[in-house]
PDB file of all heavy atoms in Angstrom:
ATOM      1  N   TYR A   1      21.371   5.480   3.658  1.00  0.00           N
ATOM      2  CA  TYR A   1      21.185   6.730   2.919  1.00  0.00           C
ATOM      3  C   TYR A   1      21.981   6.748   1.620  1.00  0.00           C
ATOM      4  O   TYR A   1      21.806   7.642   0.782  1.00  0.00           O
ATOM      5  CB  TYR A   1      21.549   7.920   3.800  1.00  0.00           C
ATOM      6  CG  TYR A   1      20.538   8.163   4.898  1.00  0.00           C
ATOM      7  CD1 TYR A   1      20.791   7.779   6.207  1.00  0.00           C
ATOM      8  CD2 TYR A   1      19.300   8.750   4.609  1.00  0.00           C
ATOM      9  CE1 TYR A   1      19.854   7.990   7.221  1.00  0.00           C
ATOM     10  CE2 TYR A   1      18.360   8.966   5.609  1.00  0.00           C
ATOM     11  CZ  TYR A   1      18.644   8.583   6.903  1.00  0.00           C
ATOM     12  OH  TYR A   1      17.706   8.788   7.899  1.00  0.00           O
ATOM     13  N   GLU A   2      22.858   5.775   1.438  1.00  0.00           N
ATOM     14  CA  GLU A   2      23.632   5.692   0.192  1.00  0.00           C
ATOM     15  C   GLU A   2      22.960   4.801  -0.848  1.00  0.00           C
ATOM     16  O   GLU A   2      23.468   4.655  -1.967  1.00  0.00           O
ATOM     17  CB  GLU A   2      25.031   5.138   0.502  1.00  0.00           C
ATOM     18  CG  GLU A   2      25.814   5.997   1.483  1.00  0.00           C
ATOM     19  CD  GLU A   2      27.135   5.367   1.880  1.00  0.00           C
ATOM     20  OE1 GLU A   2      27.415   4.260   1.383  1.00  0.00           O
ATOM     21  OE2 GLU A   2      27.857   5.974   2.682  1.00  0.00           O
ATOM     22  N   LEU A   3      21.805   4.207  -0.503  1.00  0.00           N
ATOM     23  CA  LEU A   3      21.133   3.322  -1.442  1.00  0.00           C
ATOM     24  C   LEU A   3      20.543   4.107  -2.608  1.00  0.00           C
ATOM     25  O   LEU A   3      20.285   5.307  -2.502  1.00  0.00           O
ATOM     26  CB  LEU A   3      20.015   2.549  -0.727  1.00  0.00           C
ATOM     27  CG  LEU A   3      20.464   1.645   0.417  1.00  0.00           C
ATOM     28  CD1 LEU A   3      19.252   1.034   1.120  1.00  0.00           C
ATOM     29  CD2 LEU A   3      21.395   0.548  -0.083  1.00  0.00           C
ATOM     30  N   ASP A   4      20.290   3.407  -3.710  1.00  0.00           N
ATOM     31  CA  ASP A   4      19.793   4.043  -4.933  1.00  0.00           C
ATOM     32  C   ASP A   4      18.281   4.221  -4.842  1.00  0.00           C
ATOM     33  O   ASP A   4      17.513   3.331  -5.183  1.00  0.00           O
ATOM     34  CB  ASP A   4      20.124   3.175  -6.161  1.00  0.00           C
ATOM     35  CG  ASP A   4      21.604   2.836  -6.222  1.00  0.00           C
ATOM     36  OD1 ASP A   4      22.412   3.725  -5.940  1.00  0.00           O
ATOM     37  OD2 ASP A   4      21.929   1.682  -6.552  1.00  0.00           O
ATOM     38  N   ASP A   5      17.830   5.397  -4.397  1.00  0.00           N
ATOM     39  CA  ASP A   5      16.392   5.647  -4.272  1.00  0.00           C
ATOM     40  C   ASP A   5      15.673   5.598  -5.603  1.00  0.00           C
ATOM     41  O   ASP A   5      14.492   5.261  -5.663  1.00  0.00           O
ATOM     42  CB  ASP A   5      16.100   7.040  -3.737  1.00  0.00           C
ATOM     43  CG  ASP A   5      16.515   7.223  -2.330  1.00  0.00           C
ATOM     44  OD1 ASP A   5      17.184   6.346  -1.814  1.00  0.00           O
ATOM     45  OD2 ASP A   5      16.156   8.256  -1.784  1.00  0.00           O
ATOM     46  N   ASP A   6      16.352   6.009  -6.662  1.00  0.00           N
ATOM     47  CA  ASP A   6      15.689   6.091  -7.958  1.00  0.00           C
ATOM     48  C   ASP A   6      15.436   4.704  -8.538  1.00  0.00           C
ATOM     49  O   ASP A   6      14.673   4.560  -9.484  1.00  0.00           O
ATOM     50  CB  ASP A   6      16.521   6.917  -8.938  1.00  0.00           C
ATOM     51  CG  ASP A   6      17.952   6.399  -9.077  1.00  0.00           C
ATOM     52  OD1 ASP A   6      18.423   5.774  -8.110  1.00  0.00           O
ATOM     53  OD2 ASP A   6      18.562   6.607 -10.131  1.00  0.00           O
ATOM     54  N   ILE A   7      16.070   3.689  -7.964  1.00  0.00           N
ATOM     55  CA  ILE A   7      15.887   2.321  -8.462  1.00  0.00           C
ATOM     56  C   ILE A   7      14.873   1.569  -7.605  1.00  0.00           C
ATOM     57  O   ILE A   7      13.915   1.001  -8.097  1.00  0.00           O
ATOM     58  CB  ILE A   7      17.238   1.572  -8.472  1.00  0.00           C
ATOM     59  CG1 ILE A   7      18.231   2.301  -9.395  1.00  0.00           C
ATOM     60  CG2 ILE A   7      17.060   0.132  -8.910  1.00  0.00           C
ATOM     61  CD1 ILE A   7      19.604   1.669  -9.408  1.00  0.00           C
ATOM     62  N   VAL A   8      15.100   1.584  -6.294  1.00  0.00           N
ATOM     63  CA  VAL A   8      14.209   0.897  -5.355  1.00  0.00           C
ATOM     64  C   VAL A   8      13.933   1.855  -4.202  1.00  0.00           C
ATOM     65  O   VAL A   8      14.818   2.586  -3.761  1.00  0.00           O
ATOM     66  CB  VAL A   8      14.858  -0.407  -4.829  1.00  0.00           C
ATOM     67  CG1 VAL A   8      13.912  -1.117  -3.878  1.00  0.00           C
ATOM     68  CG2 VAL A   8      15.213  -1.338  -5.989  1.00  0.00           C
ATOM     69  N   ILE A   9      12.713   1.869  -3.716  1.00  0.00           N
ATOM     70  CA  ILE A   9      12.287   2.844  -2.718  1.00  0.00           C
ATOM     71  C   ILE A   9      12.963   2.586  -1.368  1.00  0.00           C
ATOM     72  O   ILE A   9      13.045   1.449  -0.903  1.00  0.00           O
ATOM     73  CB  ILE A   9      10.757   2.794  -2.548  1.00  0.00           C
ATOM     74  CG1 ILE A   9      10.081   3.158  -3.876  1.00  0.00           C
ATOM     75  CG2 ILE A   9      10.284   3.726  -1.436  1.00  0.00           C
ATOM     76  CD1 ILE A   9       8.583   2.933  -3.875  1.00  0.00           C
ATOM     77  N   ASN A  10      13.424   3.653  -0.734  1.00  0.00           N
ATOM     78  CA  ASN A  10      14.002   3.550   0.602  1.00  0.00           C
ATOM     79  C   ASN A  10      12.904   3.633   1.654  1.00  0.00           C
ATOM     80  O   ASN A  10      11.758   3.956   1.359  1.00  0.00           O
ATOM     81  CB  ASN A  10      15.044   4.654   0.818  1.00  0.00           C
ATOM     82  CG  ASN A  10      16.208   4.183   1.665  1.00  0.00           C
ATOM     83  OD1 ASN A  10      16.041   3.354   2.549  1.00  0.00           O
ATOM     84  ND2 ASN A  10      17.393   4.691   1.393  1.00  0.00           N
ATOM     85  N   ARG A  11      13.273   3.397   2.906  1.00  0.00           N
ATOM     86  CA  ARG A  11      12.314   3.333   4.014  1.00  0.00           C
ATOM     87  C   ARG A  11      12.612   4.473   4.991  1.00  0.00           C
ATOM     88  O   ARG A  11      13.110   4.254   6.090  1.00  0.00           O
ATOM     89  CB  ARG A  11      12.424   1.985   4.723  1.00  0.00           C
ATOM     90  CG  ARG A  11      12.176   0.771   3.832  1.00  0.00           C
ATOM     91  CD  ARG A  11      12.491  -0.506   4.596  1.00  0.00           C
ATOM     92  NE  ARG A  11      12.310  -1.707   3.813  1.00  0.00           N
ATOM     93  CZ  ARG A  11      11.207  -2.464   3.834  1.00  0.00           C
ATOM     94  NH1 ARG A  11      10.192  -2.111   4.581  1.00  0.00           N
ATOM     95  NH2 ARG A  11      11.130  -3.554   3.108  1.00  0.00           N
ATOM     96  N   TYR A  12      12.265   5.704   4.620  1.00  0.00           N
ATOM     97  CA  TYR A  12      12.690   6.855   5.413  1.00  0.00           C
ATOM     98  C   TYR A  12      11.986   6.947   6.764  1.00  0.00           C
ATOM     99  O   TYR A  12      12.593   7.392   7.748  1.00  0.00           O
ATOM    100  CB  TYR A  12      12.498   8.139   4.603  1.00  0.00           C
ATOM    101  CG  TYR A  12      13.517   8.260   3.493  1.00  0.00           C
ATOM    102  CD1 TYR A  12      13.161   8.079   2.163  1.00  0.00           C
ATOM    103  CD2 TYR A  12      14.859   8.513   3.789  1.00  0.00           C
ATOM    104  CE1 TYR A  12      14.110   8.158   1.157  1.00  0.00           C
ATOM    105  CE2 TYR A  12      15.811   8.610   2.788  1.00  0.00           C
ATOM    106  CZ  TYR A  12      15.434   8.426   1.471  1.00  0.00           C
ATOM    107  OH  TYR A  12      16.376   8.497   0.483  1.00  0.00           O
ATOM    108  N   ASP A  13      10.736   6.539   6.853  1.00  0.00           N
ATOM    109  CA  ASP A  13      10.061   6.535   8.156  1.00  0.00           C
ATOM    110  C   ASP A  13      10.772   5.607   9.133  1.00  0.00           C
ATOM    111  O   ASP A  13      10.944   5.932  10.309  1.00  0.00           O
ATOM    112  CB  ASP A  13       8.595   6.105   8.008  1.00  0.00           C
ATOM    113  CG  ASP A  13       7.746   7.149   7.310  1.00  0.00           C
ATOM    114  OD1 ASP A  13       8.213   8.295   7.192  1.00  0.00           O
ATOM    115  OD2 ASP A  13       6.632   6.800   6.864  1.00  0.00           O
ATOM    116  N   MET A  14      11.200   4.462   8.633  1.00  0.00           N
ATOM    117  CA  MET A  14      11.928   3.512   9.475  1.00  0.00           C
ATOM    118  C   MET A  14      13.264   4.107   9.920  1.00  0.00           C
ATOM    119  O   MET A  14      13.649   4.002  11.094  1.00  0.00           O
ATOM    120  CB  MET A  14      12.164   2.221   8.705  1.00  0.00           C
ATOM    121  CG  MET A  14      12.943   1.167   9.469  1.00  0.00           C
ATOM    122  SD  MET A  14      13.557  -0.160   8.395  1.00  0.00           S
ATOM    123  CE  MET A  14      14.932   0.676   7.574  1.00  0.00           C
ATOM    124  N   LEU A  15      13.980   4.742   8.996  1.00  0.00           N
ATOM    125  CA  LEU A  15      15.284   5.302   9.333  1.00  0.00           C
ATOM    126  C   LEU A  15      15.161   6.405  10.379  1.00  0.00           C
ATOM    127  O   LEU A  15      15.976   6.483  11.305  1.00  0.00           O
ATOM    128  CB  LEU A  15      15.959   5.840   8.068  1.00  0.00           C
ATOM    129  CG  LEU A  15      16.243   4.812   6.966  1.00  0.00           C
ATOM    130  CD1 LEU A  15      16.889   5.491   5.764  1.00  0.00           C
ATOM    131  CD2 LEU A  15      17.119   3.678   7.468  1.00  0.00           C
ATOM    132  N   GLU A  16      14.152   7.236  10.252  1.00  0.00           N
ATOM    133  CA  GLU A  16      13.943   8.288  11.250  1.00  0.00           C
ATOM    134  C   GLU A  16      13.635   7.698  12.622  1.00  0.00           C
ATOM    135  O   GLU A  16      14.130   8.183  13.654  1.00  0.00           O
ATOM    136  CB  GLU A  16      12.804   9.204  10.797  1.00  0.00           C
ATOM    137  CG  GLU A  16      13.160  10.066   9.590  1.00  0.00           C
ATOM    138  CD  GLU A  16      11.983  10.890   9.110  1.00  0.00           C
ATOM    139  OE1 GLU A  16      10.935  10.878   9.796  1.00  0.00           O
ATOM    140  OE2 GLU A  16      12.110  11.543   8.052  1.00  0.00           O
ATOM    141  N   SER A  17      12.832   6.642  12.651  1.00  0.00           N
ATOM    142  CA  SER A  17      12.506   5.992  13.926  1.00  0.00           C
ATOM    143  C   SER A  17      13.742   5.346  14.543  1.00  0.00           C
ATOM    144  O   SER A  17      13.941   5.402  15.765  1.00  0.00           O
ATOM    145  CB  SER A  17      11.409   4.941  13.714  1.00  0.00           C
ATOM    146  OG  SER A  17      10.222   5.533  13.267  1.00  0.00           O
ATOM    147  N   MET A  18      14.580   4.724  13.718  1.00  0.00           N
ATOM    148  CA  MET A  18      15.817   4.130  14.234  1.00  0.00           C
ATOM    149  C   MET A  18      16.715   5.206  14.834  1.00  0.00           C
ATOM    150  O   MET A  18      17.315   5.001  15.903  1.00  0.00           O
ATOM    151  CB  MET A  18      16.550   3.403  13.111  1.00  0.00           C
ATOM    152  CG  MET A  18      15.921   2.100  12.696  1.00  0.00           C
ATOM    153  SD  MET A  18      16.868   1.292  11.369  1.00  0.00           S
ATOM    154  CE  MET A  18      16.023  -0.296  11.266  1.00  0.00           C
ATOM    155  N   HIS A  19      16.811   6.331  14.147  1.00  0.00           N
ATOM    156  CA  HIS A  19      17.646   7.427  14.647  1.00  0.00           C
ATOM    157  C   HIS A  19      17.144   7.903  16.007  1.00  0.00           C
ATOM    158  O   HIS A  19      17.936   8.106  16.939  1.00  0.00           O
ATOM    159  CB  HIS A  19      17.642   8.575  13.640  1.00  0.00           C
ATOM    160  CG  HIS A  19      18.485   9.732  14.062  1.00  0.00           C
ATOM    161  ND1 HIS A  19      19.862   9.732  13.938  1.00  0.00           N
ATOM    162  CD2 HIS A  19      18.162  10.917  14.629  1.00  0.00           C
ATOM    163  CE1 HIS A  19      20.342  10.866  14.399  1.00  0.00           C
ATOM    164  NE2 HIS A  19      19.333  11.607  14.821  1.00  0.00           N
ATOM    165  N   ARG A  20      15.835   8.068  16.161  1.00  0.00           N
ATOM    166  CA  ARG A  20      15.263   8.519  17.440  1.00  0.00           C
ATOM    167  C   ARG A  20      15.533   7.505  18.542  1.00  0.00           C
ATOM    168  O   ARG A  20      15.855   7.866  19.677  1.00  0.00           O
ATOM    169  CB  ARG A  20      13.754   8.749  17.294  1.00  0.00           C
ATOM    170  CG  ARG A  20      13.385  10.005  16.522  1.00  0.00           C
ATOM    171  CD  ARG A  20      11.925  10.381  16.773  1.00  0.00           C
ATOM    172  NE  ARG A  20      11.017   9.298  16.415  1.00  0.00           N
ATOM    173  CZ  ARG A  20      10.500   9.134  15.207  1.00  0.00           C
ATOM    174  NH1 ARG A  20      10.820   9.968  14.239  1.00  0.00           N
ATOM    175  NH2 ARG A  20       9.673   8.134  14.967  1.00  0.00           N
ATOM    176  N   MET A  21      15.386   6.216  18.227  1.00  0.00           N
ATOM    177  CA  MET A  21      15.573   5.199  19.257  1.00  0.00           C
ATOM    178  C   MET A  21      17.018   5.118  19.722  1.00  0.00           C
ATOM    179  O   MET A  21      17.286   4.916  20.907  1.00  0.00           O
ATOM    180  CB  MET A  21      15.102   3.845  18.744  1.00  0.00           C
ATOM    181  CG  MET A  21      13.612   3.789  18.480  1.00  0.00           C
ATOM    182  SD  MET A  21      12.952   2.132  18.638  1.00  0.00           S
ATOM    183  CE  MET A  21      13.049   1.880  20.394  1.00  0.00           C
ATOM    184  N   LEU A  22      17.962   5.297  18.798  1.00  0.00           N
ATOM    185  CA  LEU A  22      19.367   5.315  19.200  1.00  0.00           C
ATOM    186  C   LEU A  22      19.665   6.540  20.056  1.00  0.00           C
ATOM    187  O   LEU A  22      20.403   6.459  21.046  1.00  0.00           O
ATOM    188  CB  LEU A  22      20.267   5.288  17.969  1.00  0.00           C
ATOM    189  CG  LEU A  22      20.415   3.937  17.265  1.00  0.00           C
ATOM    190  CD1 LEU A  22      21.295   4.092  16.034  1.00  0.00           C
ATOM    191  CD2 LEU A  22      21.005   2.886  18.194  1.00  0.00           C
ATOM    192  N   TYR A  23      19.090   7.661  19.678  1.00  0.00           N
ATOM    193  CA  TYR A  23      19.329   8.903  20.430  1.00  0.00           C
ATOM    194  C   TYR A  23      18.747   8.798  21.830  1.00  0.00           C
ATOM    195  O   TYR A  23      19.375   9.200  22.822  1.00  0.00           O
ATOM    196  CB  TYR A  23      18.703  10.080  19.680  1.00  0.00           C
ATOM    197  CG  TYR A  23      18.913  11.411  20.363  1.00  0.00           C
ATOM    198  CD1 TYR A  23      20.124  12.097  20.213  1.00  0.00           C
ATOM    199  CD2 TYR A  23      17.911  11.970  21.149  1.00  0.00           C
ATOM    200  CE1 TYR A  23      20.319  13.314  20.841  1.00  0.00           C
ATOM    201  CE2 TYR A  23      18.104  13.187  21.784  1.00  0.00           C
ATOM    202  CZ  TYR A  23      19.309  13.858  21.630  1.00  0.00           C
ATOM    203  OH  TYR A  23      19.507  15.069  22.252  1.00  0.00           O
ATOM    204  N   ASP A  24      17.540   8.228  21.935  1.00  0.00           N
ATOM    205  CA  ASP A  24      16.864   8.119  23.235  1.00  0.00           C
ATOM    206  C   ASP A  24      17.290   6.884  24.015  1.00  0.00           C
ATOM    207  O   ASP A  24      16.937   6.747  25.189  1.00  0.00           O
ATOM    208  CB  ASP A  24      15.343   8.059  23.038  1.00  0.00           C
ATOM    209  CG  ASP A  24      14.792   9.328  22.410  1.00  0.00           C
ATOM    210  OD1 ASP A  24      15.446  10.370  22.519  1.00  0.00           O
ATOM    211  OD2 ASP A  24      13.710   9.240  21.787  1.00  0.00           O
ATOM    212  N   GLN A  25      18.003   5.942  23.333  1.00  0.00           N
ATOM    213  CA  GLN A  25      18.336   4.642  23.925  1.00  0.00           C
ATOM    214  C   GLN A  25      17.083   3.944  24.439  1.00  0.00           C
ATOM    215  O   GLN A  25      17.068   3.340  25.524  1.00  0.00           O
ATOM    216  CB  GLN A  25      19.351   4.809  25.055  1.00  0.00           C
ATOM    217  CG  GLN A  25      20.754   5.151  24.570  1.00  0.00           C
ATOM    218  CD  GLN A  25      21.376   4.011  23.750  1.00  0.00           C
ATOM    219  OE1 GLN A  25      21.636   2.931  24.257  1.00  0.00           O
ATOM    220  NE2 GLN A  25      21.609   4.279  22.472  1.00  0.00           N
ATOM    221  N   SER A  26      16.019   4.029  23.641  1.00  0.00           N
ATOM    222  CA  SER A  26      14.741   3.429  24.036  1.00  0.00           C
ATOM    223  C   SER A  26      14.624   2.010  23.488  1.00  0.00           C
ATOM    224  O   SER A  26      15.407   1.583  22.641  1.00  0.00           O
ATOM    225  CB  SER A  26      13.576   4.291  23.543  1.00  0.00           C
ATOM    226  OG  SER A  26      13.709   4.578  22.162  1.00  0.00           O
ATOM    227  N   ASP A  27      13.625   1.295  23.978  1.00  0.00           N
ATOM    228  CA  ASP A  27      13.440  -0.105  23.636  1.00  0.00           C
ATOM    229  C   ASP A  27      12.168  -0.301  22.819  1.00  0.00           C
ATOM    230  O   ASP A  27      11.276   0.548  22.809  1.00  0.00           O
ATOM    231  CB  ASP A  27      13.348  -0.969  24.903  1.00  0.00           C
ATOM    232  CG  ASP A  27      14.590  -0.848  25.763  1.00  0.00           C
ATOM    233  OD1 ASP A  27      15.657  -0.558  25.204  1.00  0.00           O
ATOM    234  OD2 ASP A  27      14.481  -1.039  26.988  1.00  0.00           O
ATOM    235  N   ILE A  28      12.088  -1.452  22.166  1.00  0.00           N
ATOM    236  CA  ILE A  28      10.906  -1.864  21.419  1.00  0.00           C
ATOM    237  C   ILE A  28      10.381  -3.143  22.057  1.00  0.00           C
ATOM    238  O   ILE A  28      11.167  -4.028  22.399  1.00  0.00           O
ATOM    239  CB  ILE A  28      11.245  -2.134  19.947  1.00  0.00           C
ATOM    240  CG1 ILE A  28      11.834  -0.893  19.291  1.00  0.00           C
ATOM    241  CG2 ILE A  28      10.011  -2.585  19.173  1.00  0.00           C
ATOM    242  CD1 ILE A  28      12.315  -1.144  17.874  1.00  0.00           C
ATOM    243  N   PRO A  29       9.061  -3.264  22.231  1.00  0.00           N
ATOM    244  CA  PRO A  29       8.529  -4.530  22.769  1.00  0.00           C
ATOM    245  C   PRO A  29       8.946  -5.712  21.899  1.00  0.00           C
ATOM    246  O   PRO A  29       8.953  -5.638  20.675  1.00  0.00           O
ATOM    247  CB  PRO A  29       7.010  -4.321  22.727  1.00  0.00           C
ATOM    248  CG  PRO A  29       6.835  -2.837  22.759  1.00  0.00           C
ATOM    249  CD  PRO A  29       8.009  -2.269  22.014  1.00  0.00           C
ATOM    250  N   THR A  30       9.316  -6.802  22.559  1.00  0.00           N
ATOM    251  CA  THR A  30       9.754  -8.012  21.868  1.00  0.00           C
ATOM    252  C   THR A  30       8.642  -9.052  21.909  1.00  0.00           C
ATOM    253  O   THR A  30       8.068  -9.320  22.964  1.00  0.00           O
ATOM    254  CB  THR A  30      11.016  -8.582  22.546  1.00  0.00           C
ATOM    255  OG1 THR A  30      12.057  -7.617  22.473  1.00  0.00           O
ATOM    256  CG2 THR A  30      11.463  -9.863  21.850  1.00  0.00           C
ATOM    257  N   HIS A  31       8.340  -9.636  20.749  1.00  0.00           N
ATOM    258  CA  HIS A  31       7.282 -10.636  20.647  1.00  0.00           C
ATOM    259  C   HIS A  31       7.869 -11.906  20.051  1.00  0.00           C
ATOM    260  O   HIS A  31       8.241 -11.939  18.882  1.00  0.00           O
ATOM    261  CB  HIS A  31       6.138 -10.121  19.774  1.00  0.00           C
ATOM    262  CG  HIS A  31       5.549  -8.827  20.247  1.00  0.00           C
ATOM    263  ND1 HIS A  31       4.802  -8.729  21.399  1.00  0.00           N
ATOM    264  CD2 HIS A  31       5.621  -7.573  19.731  1.00  0.00           C
ATOM    265  CE1 HIS A  31       4.425  -7.478  21.573  1.00  0.00           C
ATOM    266  NE2 HIS A  31       4.909  -6.757  20.572  1.00  0.00           N
ATOM    267  N   ILE A  32       7.982 -12.940  20.866  1.00  0.00           N
ATOM    268  CA  ILE A  32       8.580 -14.205  20.436  1.00  0.00           C
ATOM    269  C   ILE A  32       7.478 -15.167  19.994  1.00  0.00           C
ATOM    270  O   ILE A  32       6.523 -15.411  20.726  1.00  0.00           O
ATOM    271  CB  ILE A  32       9.397 -14.850  21.580  1.00  0.00           C
ATOM    272  CG1 ILE A  32      10.500 -13.883  22.044  1.00  0.00           C
ATOM    273  CG2 ILE A  32       9.980 -16.187  21.124  1.00  0.00           C
ATOM    274  CD1 ILE A  32      11.495 -13.515  20.974  1.00  0.00           C
TER     275      ILE A  32
END
């Protein structure tokens, strides 16, 4: 959230999803 948005675009959808996953302690399918 401290990155320079006006220079390069941030990834807010990703950040919101990361926040939810940490809060829920949920997992993501792993594909090797």
